[in-house]
Amino acid sequence: MARYFFDLHNGEGPTRDEHGTELRSRADIPKEVTRILLDVARDELPAGDRTIIAVTVRDESGDPITVASLVFNNEWLDVFR
C-alpha cells in the first residue's frame, strides 16, 4: 500500500489534498482520478462554455507523478443567426 495525494484544479482554483488516499498499487491511480474527475464534473458542469478540471497526483514524498484533465467545451453553432 502507498499513499497518493490528489490535488484538484478547477474553476475555484487549486485545492491541495492534505490527507491522501492509500492505494494498493500505482495501477489503481487512473481509476481514482477518473472517479474524482467525474464527481467534480457532475457537480460543476456546465459552468460556462469552457471548463477544465484537472487532478495532479503526488506520491508520498510530495513529487507529482501524473496529471489528468477533463475538458468541457460548448460551441454555439447559431451565433450568427
Protein backbone atom coordinates (compact mmCIF):
# COMPACT_ATOMS: atom_id res chain seq x y z
CA MET A 1 0.00 0.00 0.00
CA ALA A 2 1.13 3.51 -0.75
CA ARG A 3 -0.40 6.91 -0.08
CA TYR A 4 -1.11 9.23 -3.01
CA PHE A 5 -2.35 12.81 -2.94
CA PHE A 6 -4.89 14.08 -5.46
CA ASP A 7 -4.75 17.86 -5.92
CA LEU A 8 -7.77 19.34 -7.70
CA HIS A 9 -7.56 22.29 -10.11
CA ASN A 10 -10.88 23.71 -11.26
CA GLY A 11 -12.73 27.00 -11.66
CA GLU A 12 -12.47 27.63 -7.93
CA GLY A 13 -8.68 27.44 -8.02
CA PRO A 14 -6.36 24.74 -6.73
CA THR A 15 -7.32 22.52 -3.79
CA ARG A 16 -4.41 20.66 -2.23
CA ASP A 17 -5.08 17.18 -0.87
CA GLU A 18 -3.57 17.18 2.63
CA HIS A 19 -4.75 13.69 3.66
CA GLY A 20 -4.12 11.45 0.67
CA THR A 21 -5.59 8.10 -0.24
CA GLU A 22 -4.00 4.71 0.27
CA LEU A 23 -4.00 2.56 -2.85
CA ARG A 24 -2.75 -0.97 -3.34
CA SER A 25 -0.59 -0.01 -6.29
CA ARG A 26 0.21 2.72 -8.76
CA ALA A 27 -2.05 0.89 -11.24
CA ASP A 28 -5.08 1.99 -9.15
CA ILE A 29 -4.38 5.69 -9.74
CA PRO A 30 -6.27 6.04 -13.06
CA LYS A 31 -9.46 4.62 -11.53
CA GLU A 32 -9.28 7.04 -8.58
CA VAL A 33 -8.50 10.01 -10.86
CA THR A 34 -11.47 9.10 -13.07
CA ARG A 35 -13.77 8.90 -10.05
CA ILE A 36 -12.65 12.34 -8.84
CA LEU A 37 -12.97 13.98 -12.26
CA LEU A 38 -16.46 12.57 -12.84
CA ASP A 39 -17.67 13.58 -9.36
CA VAL A 40 -16.44 17.14 -9.84
CA ALA A 41 -17.85 17.32 -13.39
CA ARG A 42 -21.25 16.12 -12.16
CA ASP A 43 -21.34 18.96 -9.62
CA GLU A 44 -19.81 21.76 -11.70
CA LEU A 45 -20.74 21.30 -15.37
CA PRO A 46 -21.81 23.19 -17.27
CA ALA A 47 -20.28 26.20 -15.58
CA GLY A 48 -19.87 28.07 -18.85
CA ASP A 49 -18.89 27.36 -22.41
CA ARG A 50 -15.45 26.04 -21.47
CA THR A 51 -14.34 24.37 -18.27
CA ILE A 52 -11.14 22.48 -17.45
CA ILE A 53 -10.93 20.23 -14.42
CA ALA A 54 -7.55 18.68 -13.62
CA VAL A 55 -6.12 16.41 -10.95
CA THR A 56 -2.40 16.28 -10.19
CA VAL A 57 -1.30 13.17 -8.32
CA ARG A 58 1.63 13.33 -5.90
CA ASP A 59 3.42 10.40 -4.29
CA GLU A 60 4.26 10.05 -0.59
CA SER A 61 7.34 12.24 -0.96
CA GLY A 62 5.23 15.02 -2.50
CA ASP A 63 6.56 14.67 -6.02
CA PRO A 64 3.99 15.00 -8.84
CA ILE A 65 3.75 11.76 -10.81
CA THR A 66 0.84 12.29 -13.18
CA VAL A 67 -1.83 14.78 -14.18
CA ALA A 68 -5.22 14.06 -15.72
CA SER A 69 -7.75 16.55 -17.02
CA LEU A 70 -11.28 16.75 -18.30
CA VAL A 71 -12.27 19.50 -20.73
CA PHE A 72 -15.84 20.61 -21.34
CA ASN A 73 -16.28 22.78 -24.40
CA ASN A 74 -19.60 24.04 -25.74
CA GLU A 75 -19.63 25.85 -29.08
CA TRP A 76 -22.79 27.58 -30.18
CA LEU A 77 -23.38 26.96 -33.89
CA ASP A 78 -26.08 29.58 -34.38
CA VAL A 79 -24.22 32.65 -33.10
CA PHE A 80 -24.55 34.47 -36.43
CA ARG A 81 -28.28 33.94 -36.92
